[in-house]
Amino acid sequence: MPDLVARDGLALRPWRMSDLGLVREASADPYIPLVTTVPSPYSGAEGRAFVERQWGRAATGVGYPFVLVDADGRPVGTVGLRPGGEEVTLGYWVVASARGRGAAAAGLAAVADWALREPGVPRLVLHVEPWNTASVRVAERAGFRREGVREGWLRVGDERRDVLVFARSHRDGHTAARPGGAASRTSQAPIRRSEG
């Protein structure tokens, strides 16, 4: 996985065991653990297992989980990319203490730009619950366009919820061509598409 540079001094890099503080803060969020594999309640063992799962996803090509780091070097969130089928799905979260500063949009745009430069990645998709207006704005600021609704698509706890579908493709262009876009600091093997 490459290190990526995002706008506003933000960067993305692979997970490190030193990111346990980020996992701890995310585990206390009322929403993040419901829709991710972030452990709640947090324990050191569960936090380490979470980071090791991120390493495993990257090693096998099942996913590409990046840590979003602010200009001061503090981990503030994650952007993940999951290849599969005809769509490559993205997801992201930013801890509460870092929200409202554009980090999620900058990180999402950087990972989307990187993915769309790779051969064989025709389309990127993300799913946002309709009530989550902040995430709707993040998607739009990162160059995604709204396509529609998938009814009952997302499992949150014990219930199924509708999601808005946002997408970007090669025809949408890259945010790197726009002010504040992203660039890769290193180059790695291309994204592998998982089967099934």
N, C-alpha and C. Protein backbone atom coordinates (compact mmCIF):
# COMPACT_ATOMS: atom_id res chain seq x y z
N MET A 1 0.85 -1.18 0.00
CA MET A 1 0.00 0.00 0.00
C MET A 1 0.89 1.23 0.00
N PRO A 2 0.51 2.21 -0.79
CA PRO A 2 1.31 3.44 -0.82
C PRO A 2 0.95 4.37 0.33
N ASP A 3 1.85 5.30 0.61
CA ASP A 3 1.51 6.46 1.42
C ASP A 3 0.93 7.47 0.45
N LEU A 4 -0.12 8.18 0.85
CA LEU A 4 -0.75 9.17 -0.01
C LEU A 4 -0.72 10.53 0.65
N VAL A 5 -0.59 11.56 -0.16
CA VAL A 5 -0.66 12.93 0.31
C VAL A 5 -2.03 13.47 -0.05
N ALA A 6 -2.71 14.07 0.91
CA ALA A 6 -4.02 14.68 0.67
C ALA A 6 -3.89 16.18 0.88
N ARG A 7 -4.94 16.89 0.53
CA ARG A 7 -4.91 18.35 0.68
C ARG A 7 -4.88 18.75 2.16
N ASP A 8 -4.57 20.00 2.39
CA ASP A 8 -4.57 20.61 3.73
C ASP A 8 -3.58 19.95 4.69
N GLY A 9 -2.49 19.41 4.17
CA GLY A 9 -1.46 18.83 5.02
C GLY A 9 -1.76 17.45 5.55
N LEU A 10 -2.85 16.86 5.11
CA LEU A 10 -3.23 15.52 5.56
C LEU A 10 -2.49 14.46 4.75
N ALA A 11 -2.36 13.28 5.34
CA ALA A 11 -1.71 12.17 4.66
C ALA A 11 -2.43 10.88 5.02
N LEU A 12 -2.21 9.87 4.21
CA LEU A 12 -2.76 8.53 4.48
C LEU A 12 -1.63 7.53 4.39
N ARG A 13 -1.68 6.55 5.29
CA ARG A 13 -0.64 5.54 5.36
C ARG A 13 -1.23 4.25 5.89
N PRO A 14 -0.50 3.14 5.80
CA PRO A 14 -0.98 1.89 6.38
C PRO A 14 -1.08 1.98 7.91
N TRP A 15 -1.87 1.08 8.48
CA TRP A 15 -2.05 1.02 9.93
C TRP A 15 -0.76 0.60 10.62
N ARG A 16 -0.57 1.14 11.84
CA ARG A 16 0.56 0.79 12.71
C ARG A 16 0.00 0.43 14.09
N MET A 17 0.75 -0.34 14.83
CA MET A 17 0.31 -0.68 16.17
C MET A 17 0.26 0.58 17.04
N SER A 18 0.99 1.61 16.67
CA SER A 18 0.95 2.87 17.43
C SER A 18 -0.36 3.63 17.21
N ASP A 19 -1.26 3.11 16.38
CA ASP A 19 -2.57 3.74 16.14
C ASP A 19 -3.65 3.27 17.11
N LEU A 20 -3.26 2.58 18.17
CA LEU A 20 -4.26 2.07 19.11
C LEU A 20 -5.07 3.18 19.77
N GLY A 21 -4.49 4.35 19.97
CA GLY A 21 -5.24 5.48 20.52
C GLY A 21 -6.40 5.87 19.62
N LEU A 22 -6.20 5.80 18.32
CA LEU A 22 -7.27 6.08 17.36
C LEU A 22 -8.38 5.04 17.48
N VAL A 23 -8.01 3.78 17.59
CA VAL A 23 -9.00 2.71 17.74
C VAL A 23 -9.77 2.91 19.05
N ARG A 24 -9.06 3.26 20.12
CA ARG A 24 -9.71 3.49 21.41
C ARG A 24 -10.75 4.61 21.31
N GLU A 25 -10.36 5.73 20.69
CA GLU A 25 -11.31 6.85 20.56
C GLU A 25 -12.50 6.47 19.68
N ALA A 26 -12.25 5.76 18.60
CA ALA A 26 -13.34 5.34 17.71
C ALA A 26 -14.29 4.38 18.42
N SER A 27 -13.76 3.54 19.29
CA SER A 27 -14.59 2.55 19.98
C SER A 27 -15.59 3.21 20.93
N ALA A 28 -15.31 4.43 21.36
CA ALA A 28 -16.21 5.15 22.25
C ALA A 28 -17.29 5.92 21.48
N ASP A 29 -17.18 5.98 20.18
CA ASP A 29 -18.16 6.68 19.35
C ASP A 29 -19.47 5.87 19.34
N PRO A 30 -20.62 6.54 19.38
CA PRO A 30 -21.87 5.78 19.39
C PRO A 30 -22.21 5.11 18.05
N TYR A 31 -21.61 5.53 16.96
CA TYR A 31 -21.97 5.01 15.64
C TYR A 31 -20.89 4.14 15.00
N ILE A 32 -19.63 4.55 15.07
CA ILE A 32 -18.55 3.86 14.35
C ILE A 32 -18.54 2.35 14.62
N PRO A 33 -18.60 1.87 15.87
CA PRO A 33 -18.57 0.42 16.08
C PRO A 33 -19.80 -0.31 15.53
N LEU A 34 -20.91 0.39 15.35
CA LEU A 34 -22.11 -0.26 14.82
C LEU A 34 -21.97 -0.65 13.35
N VAL A 35 -21.17 0.09 12.60
CA VAL A 35 -21.09 -0.13 11.15
C VAL A 35 -19.69 -0.55 10.69
N THR A 36 -18.80 -0.82 11.63
CA THR A 36 -17.44 -1.25 11.31
C THR A 36 -17.05 -2.40 12.22
N THR A 37 -15.81 -2.83 12.11
CA THR A 37 -15.30 -3.86 13.02
C THR A 37 -14.50 -3.26 14.17
N VAL A 38 -14.62 -1.96 14.40
CA VAL A 38 -13.97 -1.32 15.54
C VAL A 38 -14.56 -1.95 16.81
N PRO A 39 -13.70 -2.43 17.73
CA PRO A 39 -14.22 -3.09 18.92
C PRO A 39 -14.89 -2.12 19.90
N SER A 40 -15.96 -2.56 20.49
CA SER A 40 -16.62 -1.79 21.53
C SER A 40 -17.27 -2.78 22.49
N PRO A 41 -16.89 -2.78 23.74
CA PRO A 41 -15.95 -1.85 24.37
C PRO A 41 -14.50 -2.16 23.95
N TYR A 42 -13.65 -1.17 24.15
CA TYR A 42 -12.25 -1.28 23.78
C TYR A 42 -11.47 -2.04 24.84
N SER A 43 -10.54 -2.85 24.38
CA SER A 43 -9.50 -3.43 25.24
C SER A 43 -8.22 -3.44 24.42
N GLY A 44 -7.10 -3.51 25.09
CA GLY A 44 -5.83 -3.55 24.38
C GLY A 44 -5.76 -4.73 23.42
N ALA A 45 -6.22 -5.88 23.86
CA ALA A 45 -6.18 -7.07 23.00
C ALA A 45 -7.09 -6.89 21.78
N GLU A 46 -8.29 -6.37 21.99
CA GLU A 46 -9.21 -6.15 20.87
C GLU A 46 -8.68 -5.08 19.93
N GLY A 47 -8.06 -4.04 20.46
CA GLY A 47 -7.46 -3.01 19.63
C GLY A 47 -6.35 -3.55 18.76
N ARG A 48 -5.47 -4.37 19.35
CA ARG A 48 -4.39 -4.99 18.57
C ARG A 48 -4.95 -5.91 17.50
N ALA A 49 -5.98 -6.67 17.85
CA ALA A 49 -6.60 -7.56 16.86
C ALA A 49 -7.19 -6.76 15.70
N PHE A 50 -7.78 -5.60 16.00
CA PHE A 50 -8.33 -4.75 14.94
C PHE A 50 -7.22 -4.32 13.98
N VAL A 51 -6.10 -3.83 14.51
CA VAL A 51 -4.99 -3.39 13.66
C VAL A 51 -4.45 -4.57 12.86
N GLU A 52 -4.33 -5.73 13.47
CA GLU A 52 -3.84 -6.91 12.75
C GLU A 52 -4.79 -7.31 11.62
N ARG A 53 -6.11 -7.13 11.81
CA ARG A 53 -7.06 -7.40 10.72
C ARG A 53 -6.83 -6.46 9.55
N GLN A 54 -6.49 -5.20 9.84
CA GLN A 54 -6.22 -4.25 8.77
C GLN A 54 -4.99 -4.69 7.98
N TRP A 55 -3.97 -5.16 8.68
CA TRP A 55 -2.77 -5.66 8.00
C TRP A 55 -3.13 -6.86 7.13
N GLY A 56 -3.97 -7.76 7.65
CA GLY A 56 -4.37 -8.94 6.89
C GLY A 56 -5.13 -8.59 5.63
N ARG A 57 -6.02 -7.61 5.73
CA ARG A 57 -6.78 -7.18 4.55
C ARG A 57 -5.84 -6.68 3.46
N ALA A 58 -4.87 -5.86 3.86
CA ALA A 58 -3.93 -5.32 2.88
C ALA A 58 -3.04 -6.42 2.30
N ALA A 59 -2.59 -7.35 3.13
CA ALA A 59 -1.69 -8.41 2.68
C ALA A 59 -2.37 -9.34 1.67
N THR A 60 -3.66 -9.57 1.84
CA THR A 60 -4.36 -10.50 0.95
C THR A 60 -5.09 -9.80 -0.20
N GLY A 61 -5.11 -8.47 -0.20
CA GLY A 61 -5.81 -7.74 -1.26
C GLY A 61 -7.31 -7.69 -1.06
N VAL A 62 -7.79 -8.13 0.09
CA VAL A 62 -9.23 -8.07 0.38
C VAL A 62 -9.66 -6.64 0.63
N GLY A 63 -8.74 -5.82 1.11
CA GLY A 63 -9.04 -4.42 1.36
C GLY A 63 -7.76 -3.61 1.46
N TYR A 64 -7.93 -2.31 1.37
CA TYR A 64 -6.81 -1.38 1.48
C TYR A 64 -7.18 -0.32 2.51
N PRO A 65 -6.92 -0.61 3.80
CA PRO A 65 -7.29 0.32 4.87
C PRO A 65 -6.16 1.31 5.16
N PHE A 66 -6.45 2.58 5.00
CA PHE A 66 -5.49 3.65 5.27
C PHE A 66 -5.84 4.35 6.57
N VAL A 67 -4.82 4.80 7.29
CA VAL A 67 -5.01 5.69 8.42
C VAL A 67 -4.86 7.12 7.91
N LEU A 68 -5.80 7.95 8.28
CA LEU A 68 -5.78 9.37 7.92
C LEU A 68 -5.07 10.12 9.04
N VAL A 69 -4.02 10.87 8.67
CA VAL A 69 -3.16 11.55 9.64
C VAL A 69 -3.21 13.04 9.37
N ASP A 70 -3.38 13.84 10.43
CA ASP A 70 -3.45 15.29 10.23
C ASP A 70 -2.06 15.90 10.06
N ALA A 71 -2.00 17.20 9.85
CA ALA A 71 -0.74 17.88 9.57
C ALA A 71 0.26 17.78 10.73
N ASP A 72 -0.24 17.54 11.94
CA ASP A 72 0.63 17.38 13.11
C ASP A 72 1.07 15.94 13.33
N GLY A 73 0.65 15.03 12.44
CA GLY A 73 1.03 13.63 12.56
C GLY A 73 0.09 12.80 13.42
N ARG A 74 -1.01 13.38 13.85
CA ARG A 74 -1.98 12.67 14.71
C ARG A 74 -2.95 11.85 13.85
N PRO A 75 -3.09 10.54 14.11
CA PRO A 75 -4.09 9.75 13.41
C PRO A 75 -5.49 10.23 13.80
N VAL A 76 -6.33 10.51 12.78
CA VAL A 76 -7.66 11.06 13.06
C VAL A 76 -8.80 10.24 12.46
N GLY A 77 -8.48 9.23 11.65
CA GLY A 77 -9.54 8.44 11.03
C GLY A 77 -8.98 7.42 10.07
N THR A 78 -9.87 6.89 9.25
CA THR A 78 -9.48 5.88 8.29
C THR A 78 -10.30 6.02 7.02
N VAL A 79 -9.70 5.63 5.93
CA VAL A 79 -10.41 5.48 4.66
C VAL A 79 -10.04 4.09 4.16
N GLY A 80 -11.05 3.29 3.87
CA GLY A 80 -10.81 1.93 3.40
C GLY A 80 -11.38 1.71 2.02
N LEU A 81 -10.72 0.89 1.27
CA LEU A 81 -11.13 0.56 -0.09
C LEU A 81 -11.23 -0.96 -0.17
N ARG A 82 -12.35 -1.46 -0.70
CA ARG A 82 -12.57 -2.91 -0.80
C ARG A 82 -12.91 -3.28 -2.23
N PRO A 83 -11.97 -3.93 -2.95
CA PRO A 83 -12.25 -4.38 -4.31
C PRO A 83 -13.26 -5.53 -4.30
N GLY A 84 -13.99 -5.65 -5.40
CA GLY A 84 -14.89 -6.78 -5.54
C GLY A 84 -15.89 -6.57 -6.64
N GLY A 85 -16.04 -7.56 -7.49
CA GLY A 85 -17.03 -7.47 -8.56
C GLY A 85 -16.76 -6.30 -9.49
N GLU A 86 -17.83 -5.66 -9.90
CA GLU A 86 -17.72 -4.53 -10.81
C GLU A 86 -17.57 -3.20 -10.08
N GLU A 87 -17.66 -3.23 -8.77
CA GLU A 87 -17.54 -2.01 -7.99
C GLU A 87 -16.44 -2.14 -6.95
N VAL A 88 -15.74 -1.07 -6.73
CA VAL A 88 -14.79 -0.97 -5.63
C VAL A 88 -15.45 -0.06 -4.60
N THR A 89 -15.65 -0.58 -3.40
CA THR A 89 -16.38 0.15 -2.37
C THR A 89 -15.42 0.86 -1.43
N LEU A 90 -15.79 2.07 -1.04
CA LEU A 90 -15.01 2.83 -0.08
C LEU A 90 -15.84 3.08 1.17
N GLY A 91 -15.14 3.23 2.27
CA GLY A 91 -15.77 3.62 3.53
C GLY A 91 -14.79 4.47 4.31
N TYR A 92 -15.29 5.22 5.26
CA TYR A 92 -14.41 6.09 6.02
C TYR A 92 -15.06 6.44 7.35
N TRP A 93 -14.23 6.82 8.29
CA TRP A 93 -14.70 7.45 9.52
C TRP A 93 -13.60 8.34 10.07
N VAL A 94 -14.02 9.35 10.79
CA VAL A 94 -13.12 10.28 11.46
C VAL A 94 -13.61 10.39 12.90
N VAL A 95 -12.69 10.36 13.86
CA VAL A 95 -13.08 10.45 15.26
C VAL A 95 -13.66 11.83 15.55
N ALA A 96 -14.51 11.89 16.57
CA ALA A 96 -15.25 13.12 16.90
C ALA A 96 -14.33 14.31 17.13
N SER A 97 -13.18 14.09 17.75
CA SER A 97 -12.29 15.21 18.07
C SER A 97 -11.66 15.85 16.84
N ALA A 98 -11.79 15.22 15.67
CA ALA A 98 -11.19 15.75 14.44
C ALA A 98 -12.22 16.11 13.38
N ARG A 99 -13.49 16.01 13.70
CA ARG A 99 -14.53 16.29 12.70
C ARG A 99 -14.71 17.79 12.46
N GLY A 100 -15.28 18.09 11.31
CA GLY A 100 -15.60 19.48 10.98
C GLY A 100 -14.46 20.27 10.40
N ARG A 101 -13.36 19.62 10.02
CA ARG A 101 -12.19 20.32 9.48
C ARG A 101 -11.84 19.89 8.07
N GLY A 102 -12.69 19.06 7.46
CA GLY A 102 -12.44 18.65 6.08
C GLY A 102 -11.55 17.43 5.92
N ALA A 103 -11.17 16.79 7.03
CA ALA A 103 -10.26 15.64 6.94
C ALA A 103 -10.89 14.48 6.17
N ALA A 104 -12.14 14.18 6.44
CA ALA A 104 -12.78 13.04 5.77
C ALA A 104 -12.83 13.25 4.26
N ALA A 105 -13.25 14.43 3.82
CA ALA A 105 -13.33 14.69 2.37
C ALA A 105 -11.95 14.64 1.72
N ALA A 106 -10.95 15.21 2.39
CA ALA A 106 -9.60 15.20 1.83
C ALA A 106 -9.07 13.77 1.72
N GLY A 107 -9.26 12.98 2.76
CA GLY A 107 -8.80 11.59 2.73
C GLY A 107 -9.53 10.75 1.71
N LEU A 108 -10.85 10.90 1.65
CA LEU A 108 -11.64 10.15 0.69
C LEU A 108 -11.23 10.50 -0.74
N ALA A 109 -11.04 11.79 -1.02
CA ALA A 109 -10.63 12.21 -2.37
C ALA A 109 -9.27 11.64 -2.73
N ALA A 110 -8.34 11.62 -1.78
CA ALA A 110 -6.99 11.11 -2.06
C ALA A 110 -7.02 9.63 -2.39
N VAL A 111 -7.76 8.84 -1.62
CA VAL A 111 -7.84 7.41 -1.88
C VAL A 111 -8.59 7.15 -3.20
N ALA A 112 -9.65 7.90 -3.45
CA ALA A 112 -10.40 7.73 -4.70
C ALA A 112 -9.51 8.05 -5.91
N ASP A 113 -8.76 9.12 -5.83
CA ASP A 113 -7.85 9.48 -6.93
C ASP A 113 -6.83 8.38 -7.18
N TRP A 114 -6.24 7.87 -6.11
CA TRP A 114 -5.26 6.78 -6.22
C TRP A 114 -5.89 5.56 -6.88
N ALA A 115 -7.07 5.17 -6.41
CA ALA A 115 -7.73 3.97 -6.95
C ALA A 115 -8.07 4.14 -8.42
N LEU A 116 -8.56 5.30 -8.81
CA LEU A 116 -8.96 5.50 -10.20
C LEU A 116 -7.78 5.58 -11.16
N ARG A 117 -6.58 5.78 -10.64
CA ARG A 117 -5.38 5.75 -11.48
C ARG A 117 -4.95 4.32 -11.77
N GLU A 118 -5.46 3.36 -11.00
CA GLU A 118 -5.07 1.96 -11.16
C GLU A 118 -5.81 1.32 -12.32
N PRO A 119 -5.14 0.47 -13.08
CA PRO A 119 -5.85 -0.24 -14.15
C PRO A 119 -6.87 -1.20 -13.55
N GLY A 120 -7.98 -1.35 -14.21
CA GLY A 120 -8.99 -2.31 -13.79
C GLY A 120 -9.92 -1.82 -12.69
N VAL A 121 -9.86 -0.54 -12.35
CA VAL A 121 -10.78 0.02 -11.36
C VAL A 121 -11.71 0.99 -12.10
N PRO A 122 -12.85 0.48 -12.58
CA PRO A 122 -13.72 1.32 -13.39
C PRO A 122 -14.63 2.24 -12.59
N ARG A 123 -14.93 1.86 -11.34
CA ARG A 123 -15.99 2.56 -10.63
C ARG A 123 -15.79 2.42 -9.13
N LEU A 124 -15.97 3.53 -8.44
CA LEU A 124 -15.91 3.56 -6.98
C LEU A 124 -17.28 3.88 -6.43
N VAL A 125 -17.66 3.21 -5.34
CA VAL A 125 -18.98 3.40 -4.75
C VAL A 125 -18.84 3.57 -3.25
N LEU A 126 -19.67 4.42 -2.68
CA LEU A 126 -19.78 4.48 -1.24
C LEU A 126 -21.25 4.61 -0.86
N HIS A 127 -21.55 4.20 0.36
CA HIS A 127 -22.93 4.17 0.86
C HIS A 127 -23.03 5.04 2.10
N VAL A 128 -24.07 5.89 2.14
CA VAL A 128 -24.26 6.83 3.24
C VAL A 128 -25.71 6.76 3.69
N GLU A 129 -25.91 6.68 4.99
CA GLU A 129 -27.29 6.72 5.48
C GLU A 129 -27.88 8.11 5.22
N PRO A 130 -29.13 8.19 4.80
CA PRO A 130 -29.73 9.48 4.43
C PRO A 130 -29.71 10.53 5.53
N TRP A 131 -29.79 10.13 6.79
CA TRP A 131 -29.79 11.10 7.90
C TRP A 131 -28.42 11.74 8.10
N ASN A 132 -27.35 11.11 7.57
CA ASN A 132 -25.99 11.54 7.85
C ASN A 132 -25.56 12.64 6.87
N THR A 133 -26.08 13.84 7.10
CA THR A 133 -25.83 14.96 6.18
C THR A 133 -24.35 15.33 6.12
N ALA A 134 -23.61 15.14 7.20
CA ALA A 134 -22.18 15.44 7.16
C ALA A 134 -21.47 14.51 6.18
N SER A 135 -21.82 13.21 6.18
CA SER A 135 -21.20 12.28 5.24
C SER A 135 -21.67 12.51 3.81
N VAL A 136 -22.88 12.98 3.64
CA VAL A 136 -23.34 13.35 2.29
C VAL A 136 -22.45 14.47 1.76
N ARG A 137 -22.18 15.48 2.59
CA ARG A 137 -21.30 16.58 2.17
C ARG A 137 -19.88 16.09 1.89
N VAL A 138 -19.38 15.17 2.71
CA VAL A 138 -18.04 14.61 2.49
C VAL A 138 -17.98 13.95 1.11
N ALA A 139 -18.96 13.12 0.79
CA ALA A 139 -18.99 12.43 -0.50
C ALA A 139 -18.99 13.43 -1.65
N GLU A 140 -19.83 14.44 -1.55
CA GLU A 140 -19.92 15.43 -2.63
C GLU A 140 -18.63 16.23 -2.75
N ARG A 141 -18.02 16.62 -1.64
CA ARG A 141 -16.76 17.38 -1.68
C ARG A 141 -15.61 16.55 -2.22
N ALA A 142 -15.71 15.22 -2.11
CA ALA A 142 -14.67 14.34 -2.63
C ALA A 142 -14.92 13.95 -4.09
N GLY A 143 -15.92 14.57 -4.72
CA GLY A 143 -16.16 14.35 -6.14
C GLY A 143 -17.10 13.22 -6.49
N PHE A 144 -17.79 12.67 -5.49
CA PHE A 144 -18.76 11.61 -5.76
C PHE A 144 -20.11 12.22 -6.12
N ARG A 145 -20.85 11.52 -6.98
CA ARG A 145 -22.19 11.98 -7.36
C ARG A 145 -23.22 10.99 -6.82
N ARG A 146 -24.35 11.53 -6.40
CA ARG A 146 -25.42 10.69 -5.87
C ARG A 146 -26.12 9.97 -7.01
N GLU A 147 -26.32 8.66 -6.83
CA GLU A 147 -26.97 7.85 -7.87
C GLU A 147 -28.34 7.35 -7.48
N GLY A 148 -28.61 7.16 -6.21
CA GLY A 148 -29.90 6.62 -5.82
C GLY A 148 -29.88 6.06 -4.41
N VAL A 149 -30.81 5.14 -4.15
CA VAL A 149 -30.99 4.55 -2.83
C VAL A 149 -30.97 3.03 -2.95
N ARG A 150 -30.30 2.37 -2.01
CA ARG A 150 -30.39 0.91 -1.87
C ARG A 150 -31.18 0.66 -0.59
N GLU A 151 -32.35 0.09 -0.76
CA GLU A 151 -33.24 -0.12 0.38
C GLU A 151 -32.79 -1.32 1.21
N GLY A 152 -32.75 -1.11 2.53
CA GLY A 152 -32.40 -2.19 3.45
C GLY A 152 -31.02 -2.76 3.24
N TRP A 153 -30.10 -2.00 2.71
CA TRP A 153 -28.79 -2.52 2.31
C TRP A 153 -27.81 -2.63 3.47
N LEU A 154 -27.86 -1.69 4.42
CA LEU A 154 -26.86 -1.63 5.49
C LEU A 154 -27.41 -2.23 6.78
N ARG A 155 -26.64 -3.14 7.37
CA ARG A 155 -27.01 -3.68 8.68
C ARG A 155 -26.36 -2.80 9.74
N VAL A 156 -27.19 -2.25 10.61
CA VAL A 156 -26.73 -1.46 11.75
C VAL A 156 -27.32 -2.11 12.99
N GLY A 157 -26.47 -2.75 13.78
CA GLY A 157 -26.98 -3.52 14.91
C GLY A 157 -27.85 -4.64 14.39
N ASP A 158 -29.11 -4.68 14.83
CA ASP A 158 -30.04 -5.73 14.41
C ASP A 158 -31.00 -5.30 13.32
N GLU A 159 -30.83 -4.10 12.77
CA GLU A 159 -31.79 -3.66 11.75
C GLU A 159 -31.12 -3.38 10.42
N ARG A 160 -31.91 -3.44 9.37
CA ARG A 160 -31.47 -3.13 8.02
C ARG A 160 -31.90 -1.70 7.70
N ARG A 161 -30.99 -0.93 7.13
CA ARG A 161 -31.29 0.47 6.82
C ARG A 161 -31.02 0.78 5.35
N ASP A 162 -31.75 1.78 4.85
CA ASP A 162 -31.52 2.28 3.50
C ASP A 162 -30.23 3.09 3.47
N VAL A 163 -29.61 3.13 2.31
CA VAL A 163 -28.42 3.96 2.12
C VAL A 163 -28.53 4.72 0.80
N LEU A 164 -27.94 5.89 0.78
CA LEU A 164 -27.75 6.62 -0.47
C LEU A 164 -26.50 6.05 -1.14
N VAL A 165 -26.54 5.93 -2.45
CA VAL A 165 -25.40 5.42 -3.21
C VAL A 165 -24.73 6.60 -3.90
N PHE A 166 -23.42 6.72 -3.69
CA PHE A 166 -22.60 7.73 -4.35
C PHE A 166 -21.54 7.00 -5.16
N ALA A 167 -21.15 7.57 -6.30
CA ALA A 167 -20.17 6.91 -7.16
C ALA A 167 -19.24 7.92 -7.82
N ARG A 168 -18.06 7.42 -8.18
CA ARG A 168 -17.09 8.13 -9.03
C ARG A 168 -16.52 7.14 -10.01
N SER A 169 -16.23 7.61 -11.20
CA SER A 169 -15.60 6.75 -12.20
C SER A 169 -14.55 7.56 -12.95
N HIS A 170 -13.89 6.91 -13.88
CA HIS A 170 -12.87 7.60 -14.68
C HIS A 170 -13.44 8.83 -15.38
N ARG A 171 -14.67 8.76 -15.81
CA ARG A 171 -15.25 9.89 -16.55
C ARG A 171 -15.48 11.12 -15.65
N ASP A 172 -15.49 10.91 -14.34
CA ASP A 172 -15.67 12.03 -13.42
C ASP A 172 -14.38 12.82 -13.21
N GLY A 173 -13.25 12.25 -13.60
CA GLY A 173 -11.97 12.92 -13.42
C GLY A 173 -11.43 12.69 -12.02
N HIS A 174 -10.30 13.30 -11.77
CA HIS A 174 -9.62 13.16 -10.49
C HIS A 174 -9.63 14.48 -9.77
N THR A 175 -9.76 14.44 -8.45
CA THR A 175 -9.67 15.69 -7.68
C THR A 175 -8.25 16.21 -7.66
N ALA A 176 -7.26 15.36 -8.02
CA ALA A 176 -5.87 15.82 -8.07
C ALA A 176 -5.71 16.91 -9.11
N ALA A 177 -6.58 16.92 -10.13
CA ALA A 177 -6.52 17.96 -11.15
C ALA A 177 -7.12 19.26 -10.63
N ARG A 178 -7.82 19.18 -9.51
CA ARG A 178 -8.44 20.37 -8.90
C ARG A 178 -7.53 20.86 -7.78
N PRO A 179 -7.67 22.10 -7.37
CA PRO A 179 -6.84 22.60 -6.28
C PRO A 179 -6.95 21.71 -5.06
N GLY A 180 -5.80 21.39 -4.46
CA GLY A 180 -5.80 20.62 -3.23
C GLY A 180 -5.98 19.14 -3.41
N GLY A 181 -5.79 18.61 -4.61
CA GLY A 181 -5.96 17.18 -4.84
C GLY A 181 -4.85 16.36 -4.22
N ALA A 182 -4.89 15.06 -4.44
CA ALA A 182 -3.96 14.16 -3.78
C ALA A 182 -2.93 13.61 -4.73
N ALA A 183 -1.85 13.15 -4.19
CA ALA A 183 -0.81 12.50 -4.98
C ALA A 183 -0.22 11.36 -4.16
N SER A 184 0.28 10.36 -4.84
CA SER A 184 0.89 9.22 -4.17
C SER A 184 2.36 9.53 -3.91
N ARG A 185 2.84 9.18 -2.72
CA ARG A 185 4.24 9.35 -2.40
C ARG A 185 5.06 8.15 -2.82
N THR A 186 4.43 7.00 -2.87
CA THR A 186 5.15 5.80 -3.27
C THR A 186 4.28 5.04 -4.26
N SER A 187 4.89 4.13 -4.95
CA SER A 187 4.08 3.33 -5.86
C SER A 187 4.19 1.89 -5.43
N GLN A 188 3.09 1.18 -5.57
CA GLN A 188 3.01 -0.21 -5.14
C GLN A 188 2.34 -1.02 -6.23
N ALA A 189 2.18 -2.30 -5.94
CA ALA A 189 1.48 -3.17 -6.87
C ALA A 189 0.05 -2.67 -7.06
N PRO A 190 -0.53 -2.96 -8.20
CA PRO A 190 -1.89 -2.49 -8.46
C PRO A 190 -2.90 -3.14 -7.52
N ILE A 191 -4.05 -2.51 -7.43
CA ILE A 191 -5.13 -3.03 -6.61
C ILE A 191 -5.58 -4.37 -7.17
N ARG A 192 -5.65 -5.35 -6.30
CA ARG A 192 -6.16 -6.67 -6.70
C ARG A 192 -7.63 -6.73 -6.41
N ARG A 193 -8.38 -7.25 -7.32
CA ARG A 193 -9.83 -7.38 -7.16
C ARG A 193 -10.11 -8.73 -6.54
N SER A 194 -10.86 -8.72 -5.44
CA SER A 194 -11.21 -9.98 -4.79
C SER A 194 -12.38 -10.62 -5.49
N GLU A 195 -12.44 -11.90 -5.44
CA GLU A 195 -13.53 -12.65 -6.04
C GLU A 195 -14.49 -13.05 -4.94
N GLY A 196 -15.79 -12.79 -5.18
CA GLY A 196 -16.82 -13.21 -4.23
C GLY A 196 -16.96 -12.33 -3.12
